[in-house]
Amino acid sequence: MKKVKKAIIPAAGYGTRNLPITKVLPKEMFPINGRPAIHYIVEEAAEAGIEEILIVVSRNKNMILDYFDRSLELEAFLEKTNKQHLLEEIETPNIHIQYVRQPYAEGLGDAVKLGRHFVGDEPFAVLLPDDFFLCSKKGAIDQLMHAYNIYQNSTIGLQKVKSEFLQNYGVVKEKKVDKRQYQVVDIVEKPRSSPPSNLAVTGRYVFNPSIFTYLEKVERGAGREIQLTDAIKASLNTENCYGVNLIGERYDIGKDEDYRKLMMRFWKKNNLL
């Protein structure tokens, strides 16, 4: 049985939904309870047993690299000023992180494709930092990895979405195989009408390395970009793919309303409201 030990986090987008702040602050660095959003994504992967992460960045995302790097100068300052208790506050998840630059913003599929050499012939996870999950038990990617261990086929995260919002997502046509697990029969990117179900693709995936074969072959899709959804759709002709209806609350931090709701959750948790 092949186990998932590697993950790719695509973080190279321009963050156009959140302009103008994203001119200077990557949306992956938006603060949530004192830590940037991407900290929690890396933490989610580490807690699920991921051992290595590749973060795909662009030229203006050096802040992400700086955050996960040690600041020896700051550590020395805290030691010198008897503020050693703050050292644990600047710790980041204990996991090996590598980086690769995406020269041009050519879509999620293109970003994932940059991880081919990093992945090799192993299964791997993909976590989108826009999608923030609050789960009471297993994290979102952990739930997918559990399903992958059963089926040994690519597995994607799903959640039910109101019909009026389905046009913003990839939506699957499915065949139920278990209480919260489905075989994916078809997938449609942002259906304008007649969506095949109310199950939308969320920002968590586990893939077999064969997905790269389809990413190399797919033509540019929506927005003239290489769409990951199109590669998944192409793979269904020759491979099985499964979906898991993830247990947990999902927040799209690229949406102002979701970001505010998430902040409210943390404030209430910390008795700040």
Protein backbone atom coordinates (compact mmCIF):
# COMPACT_ATOMS: atom_id res chain seq x y z
CA MET A 1 0.00 0.00 0.00
CA LYS A 2 1.36 3.39 -1.02
CA LYS A 3 1.10 6.08 1.66
CA VAL A 4 0.78 9.79 1.05
CA LYS A 5 3.87 11.55 2.39
CA LYS A 6 4.15 14.60 0.13
CA ALA A 7 1.92 17.60 -0.48
CA ILE A 8 1.77 20.55 -2.86
CA ILE A 9 0.39 23.92 -1.75
CA PRO A 10 -0.25 26.25 -4.72
CA ALA A 11 0.25 29.83 -3.50
CA ALA A 12 1.26 31.74 -6.63
CA GLY A 13 -1.98 33.49 -7.58
CA TYR A 14 -2.36 37.26 -7.75
CA GLY A 15 -5.21 37.35 -5.25
CA THR A 16 -7.32 39.55 -7.54
CA ARG A 17 -10.44 39.02 -5.42
CA ASN A 18 -8.76 40.83 -2.55
CA LEU A 19 -7.18 43.81 -4.28
CA PRO A 20 -5.80 46.30 -3.39
CA ILE A 21 -4.30 44.74 -0.23
CA THR A 22 -2.89 41.79 -2.18
CA LYS A 23 -0.62 44.18 -4.07
CA VAL A 24 1.61 44.03 -0.99
CA LEU A 25 0.24 41.23 1.23
CA PRO A 26 -0.30 37.74 -0.22
CA LYS A 27 -3.75 36.42 0.71
CA GLU A 28 -2.00 33.32 2.09
CA MET A 29 -0.55 35.64 4.74
CA PHE A 30 -3.91 37.09 5.86
CA PRO A 31 -3.84 36.92 9.67
CA ILE A 32 -6.07 34.47 11.50
CA ASN A 33 -5.75 34.57 15.29
CA GLY A 34 -2.21 35.93 15.09
CA ARG A 35 -0.91 33.49 12.46
CA PRO A 36 -1.07 33.65 8.66
CA ALA A 37 -3.62 31.46 6.89
CA ILE A 38 -0.95 29.32 5.25
CA HIS A 39 0.45 28.39 8.68
CA TYR A 40 -2.76 26.47 9.39
CA ILE A 41 -2.66 24.76 5.99
CA VAL A 42 0.89 23.53 6.58
CA GLU A 43 -0.11 22.49 10.10
CA GLU A 44 -3.08 20.53 8.73
CA ALA A 45 -0.77 18.63 6.38
CA ALA A 46 1.80 17.92 9.10
CA GLU A 47 -0.86 16.65 11.52
CA ALA A 48 -2.12 14.25 8.83
CA GLY A 49 1.32 12.67 8.51
CA ILE A 50 2.67 14.57 5.49
CA GLU A 51 6.48 14.67 5.67
CA GLU A 52 7.42 17.01 2.80
CA ILE A 53 5.69 20.03 1.30
CA LEU A 54 6.28 21.93 -1.93
CA ILE A 55 4.86 25.46 -1.90
CA VAL A 56 4.38 26.96 -5.36
CA VAL A 57 5.00 30.71 -5.18
CA SER A 58 5.38 33.65 -7.53
CA ARG A 59 7.98 36.41 -7.50
CA ASN A 60 5.99 38.60 -5.12
CA LYS A 61 5.44 35.90 -2.47
CA ASN A 62 8.82 36.05 -0.70
CA MET A 63 6.98 36.85 2.52
CA ILE A 64 5.84 33.21 2.65
CA LEU A 65 9.44 31.99 2.44
CA ASP A 66 10.49 34.43 5.16
CA TYR A 67 7.71 33.29 7.48
CA PHE A 68 8.71 29.61 7.40
CA ASP A 69 12.41 30.44 7.68
CA ARG A 70 14.08 30.82 11.08
CA SER A 71 14.82 34.36 12.18
CA LEU A 72 18.07 33.96 14.10
CA GLU A 73 18.26 37.70 14.71
CA LEU A 74 14.80 37.75 16.30
CA GLU A 75 15.55 34.64 18.37
CA ALA A 76 18.76 36.25 19.65
CA PHE A 77 16.87 39.44 20.52
CA LEU A 78 14.25 37.52 22.51
CA GLU A 79 16.96 35.64 24.39
CA LYS A 80 18.85 38.86 25.13
CA THR A 81 15.77 40.67 26.41
CA ASN A 82 14.57 37.79 28.59
CA LYS A 83 11.56 37.12 26.40
CA GLN A 84 12.32 33.44 25.86
CA HIS A 85 8.65 32.63 26.48
CA LEU A 86 7.90 34.17 23.08
CA LEU A 87 10.14 31.72 21.24
CA GLU A 88 7.37 29.15 21.06
CA GLU A 89 5.11 31.80 19.51
CA ILE A 90 7.34 32.04 16.44
CA GLU A 91 7.68 28.30 15.92
CA THR A 92 6.32 26.93 12.66
CA PRO A 93 5.16 23.36 11.95
CA ASN A 94 8.01 20.86 12.06
CA ILE A 95 7.98 19.71 8.45
CA HIS A 96 10.37 19.91 5.49
CA ILE A 97 9.32 22.65 3.05
CA GLN A 98 10.61 23.32 -0.45
CA TYR A 99 9.62 26.03 -2.91
CA VAL A 100 9.24 26.44 -6.66
CA ARG A 101 8.27 29.54 -8.61
CA GLN A 102 5.44 29.63 -11.11
CA PRO A 103 6.72 32.14 -13.70
CA TYR A 104 3.26 33.00 -15.05
CA ALA A 105 -0.20 32.66 -13.52
CA GLU A 106 -1.49 29.99 -15.90
CA GLY A 107 -3.90 28.18 -13.67
CA LEU A 108 -4.12 25.71 -10.82
CA GLY A 109 -3.32 22.80 -13.11
CA ASP A 110 -0.11 24.49 -14.21
CA ALA A 111 0.89 25.14 -10.59
CA VAL A 112 0.35 21.50 -9.62
CA LYS A 113 2.27 20.37 -12.73
CA LEU A 114 5.36 22.16 -11.41
CA GLY A 115 5.51 19.57 -8.62
CA ARG A 116 6.13 16.60 -10.91
CA HIS A 117 9.81 16.15 -10.03
CA PHE A 118 9.09 16.74 -6.35
CA VAL A 119 6.42 14.05 -6.33
CA GLY A 120 8.20 11.44 -8.46
CA ASP A 121 6.17 8.22 -8.57
CA GLU A 122 4.44 8.70 -5.22
CA PRO A 123 0.85 9.66 -4.40
CA PHE A 124 0.54 13.22 -3.11
CA ALA A 125 -1.87 15.68 -1.56
CA VAL A 126 -2.86 19.13 -2.79
CA LEU A 127 -4.12 21.74 -0.34
CA LEU A 128 -5.42 25.09 -1.53
CA PRO A 129 -4.69 27.82 1.02
CA ASP A 130 -7.87 29.74 0.09
CA ASP A 131 -9.96 26.98 1.64
CA PHE A 132 -9.79 26.96 5.44
CA PHE A 133 -11.41 24.04 7.25
CA LEU A 134 -12.45 23.88 10.88
CA CYS A 135 -12.84 20.20 11.75
CA SER A 136 -13.67 18.85 15.20
CA LYS A 137 -11.82 15.56 14.70
CA LYS A 138 -9.83 14.64 11.60
CA GLY A 139 -8.54 17.47 9.43
CA ALA A 140 -9.83 17.77 5.88
CA ILE A 141 -6.75 16.34 4.16
CA ASP A 142 -6.54 13.58 6.78
CA GLN A 143 -10.08 12.50 5.85
CA LEU A 144 -9.05 12.25 2.18
CA MET A 145 -5.87 10.36 2.98
CA HIS A 146 -7.90 7.83 4.96
CA ALA A 147 -10.13 7.24 1.92
CA TYR A 148 -7.10 7.03 -0.37
CA ASN A 149 -5.66 4.28 1.83
CA ILE A 150 -8.83 2.29 1.15
CA TYR A 151 -9.24 2.85 -2.59
CA GLN A 152 -5.65 3.58 -3.70
CA ASN A 153 -7.12 5.92 -6.33
CA SER A 154 -7.18 9.68 -6.64
CA THR A 155 -9.60 11.17 -4.11
CA ILE A 156 -11.06 14.67 -4.00
CA GLY A 157 -12.74 16.66 -1.25
CA LEU A 158 -16.41 17.50 -1.71
CA GLN A 159 -19.05 19.46 0.15
CA LYS A 160 -22.69 20.25 -0.51
CA VAL A 161 -23.22 23.77 -1.84
CA LYS A 162 -26.43 25.74 -2.39
CA SER A 163 -27.57 25.57 -6.00
CA GLU A 164 -27.11 29.31 -6.63
CA PHE A 165 -23.39 29.03 -5.83
CA LEU A 166 -22.56 25.89 -7.80
CA GLN A 167 -21.55 27.97 -10.83
CA ASN A 168 -18.44 29.02 -8.87
CA TYR A 169 -17.13 25.46 -8.37
CA GLY A 170 -16.22 22.24 -10.03
CA VAL A 171 -19.24 19.98 -9.53
CA VAL A 172 -19.29 16.18 -9.69
CA LYS A 173 -21.69 13.57 -10.97
CA GLU A 174 -21.34 10.78 -8.46
CA LYS A 175 -22.25 7.24 -7.48
CA LYS A 176 -22.50 6.63 -3.73
CA VAL A 177 -20.28 3.87 -2.35
CA ASP A 178 -20.41 4.62 1.38
CA LYS A 179 -22.01 7.01 3.84
CA ARG A 180 -19.86 9.98 2.83
CA GLN A 181 -17.86 8.49 -0.05
CA TYR A 182 -18.62 8.48 -3.74
CA GLN A 183 -17.18 7.28 -7.01
CA VAL A 184 -16.79 10.28 -9.32
CA VAL A 185 -18.51 9.58 -12.64
CA ASP A 186 -18.04 13.03 -14.19
CA ILE A 187 -16.93 16.51 -13.20
CA VAL A 188 -17.93 19.88 -14.64
CA GLU A 189 -16.02 23.11 -14.06
CA LYS A 190 -18.28 26.02 -13.03
CA PRO A 191 -21.54 24.81 -14.64
CA ARG A 192 -23.68 27.74 -15.79
CA SER A 193 -26.80 25.58 -15.86
CA SER A 194 -27.96 22.08 -14.95
CA PRO A 195 -25.18 21.13 -12.49
CA PRO A 196 -24.83 17.34 -12.17
CA SER A 197 -25.28 17.41 -8.37
CA ASN A 198 -24.97 19.72 -5.37
CA LEU A 199 -21.54 18.30 -4.46
CA ALA A 200 -18.82 20.85 -5.19
CA VAL A 201 -15.07 20.25 -5.24
CA THR A 202 -13.30 21.88 -2.32
CA GLY A 203 -9.62 22.75 -2.04
CA ARG A 204 -8.34 19.34 -0.91
CA TYR A 205 -7.14 16.51 -3.16
CA VAL A 206 -5.07 13.33 -3.07
CA PHE A 207 -3.72 12.19 -6.43
CA ASN A 208 -1.87 9.29 -7.89
CA PRO A 209 1.12 10.57 -9.90
CA SER A 210 -0.66 9.59 -13.12
CA ILE A 211 -2.54 12.91 -12.88
CA PHE A 212 0.55 14.58 -14.36
CA THR A 213 0.02 12.67 -17.61
CA TYR A 214 -3.40 14.28 -17.97
CA LEU A 215 -2.14 17.71 -16.92
CA GLU A 216 0.39 17.56 -19.74
CA LYS A 217 -2.32 16.75 -22.30
CA VAL A 218 -5.25 18.98 -21.35
CA GLU A 219 -5.86 22.11 -23.39
CA ARG A 220 -6.35 25.48 -21.79
CA GLY A 221 -9.81 25.75 -20.34
CA ALA A 222 -11.70 28.45 -18.44
CA GLY A 223 -9.81 31.74 -18.37
CA ARG A 224 -7.31 30.36 -20.88
CA GLU A 225 -5.70 28.53 -17.97
CA ILE A 226 -4.70 24.92 -17.37
CA GLN A 227 -7.52 23.66 -15.18
CA LEU A 228 -6.95 20.88 -12.66
CA THR A 229 -10.62 19.95 -13.01
CA ASP A 230 -10.11 19.24 -16.74
CA ALA A 231 -7.26 16.85 -15.95
CA ILE A 232 -9.42 15.03 -13.38
CA LYS A 233 -12.22 14.76 -15.96
CA ALA A 234 -9.83 13.33 -18.56
CA SER A 235 -8.52 10.76 -16.09
CA LEU A 236 -12.02 9.34 -15.54
CA ASN A 237 -11.85 7.63 -18.94
CA THR A 238 -9.16 5.23 -17.73
CA GLU A 239 -8.99 5.50 -13.91
CA ASN A 240 -11.30 5.50 -10.93
CA CYS A 241 -11.58 8.62 -8.84
CA TYR A 242 -13.38 8.96 -5.52
CA GLY A 243 -14.85 11.84 -3.58
CA VAL A 244 -15.35 12.36 0.14
CA ASN A 245 -18.02 14.64 1.58
CA LEU A 246 -15.74 16.32 4.10
CA ILE A 247 -16.85 16.78 7.70
CA GLY A 248 -16.07 20.30 8.82
CA GLU A 249 -16.83 23.97 8.26
CA ARG A 250 -15.19 25.45 5.18
CA TYR A 251 -14.33 29.12 4.79
CA ASP A 252 -13.08 30.70 1.57
CA ILE A 253 -10.73 33.37 2.91
CA GLY A 254 -10.71 35.04 -0.50
CA LYS A 255 -14.31 36.09 0.21
CA ASP A 256 -14.66 39.01 2.60
CA GLU A 257 -17.81 37.53 4.14
CA ASP A 258 -16.18 34.15 4.84
CA TYR A 259 -13.03 35.78 6.21
CA ARG A 260 -15.08 37.89 8.62
CA LYS A 261 -17.09 34.84 9.73
CA LEU A 262 -13.88 32.92 10.38
CA MET A 263 -12.44 35.77 12.44
CA MET A 264 -15.67 35.90 14.45
CA ARG A 265 -15.34 32.18 15.21
CA PHE A 266 -11.85 32.68 16.64
CA TRP A 267 -12.85 35.80 18.57
CA LYS A 268 -15.75 33.97 20.20
CA LYS A 269 -13.50 30.99 20.95
CA ASN A 270 -11.05 33.34 22.70
CA ASN A 271 -13.84 35.20 24.51
CA LEU A 272 -13.02 38.44 22.70
CA LEU A 273 -16.68 39.09 21.86
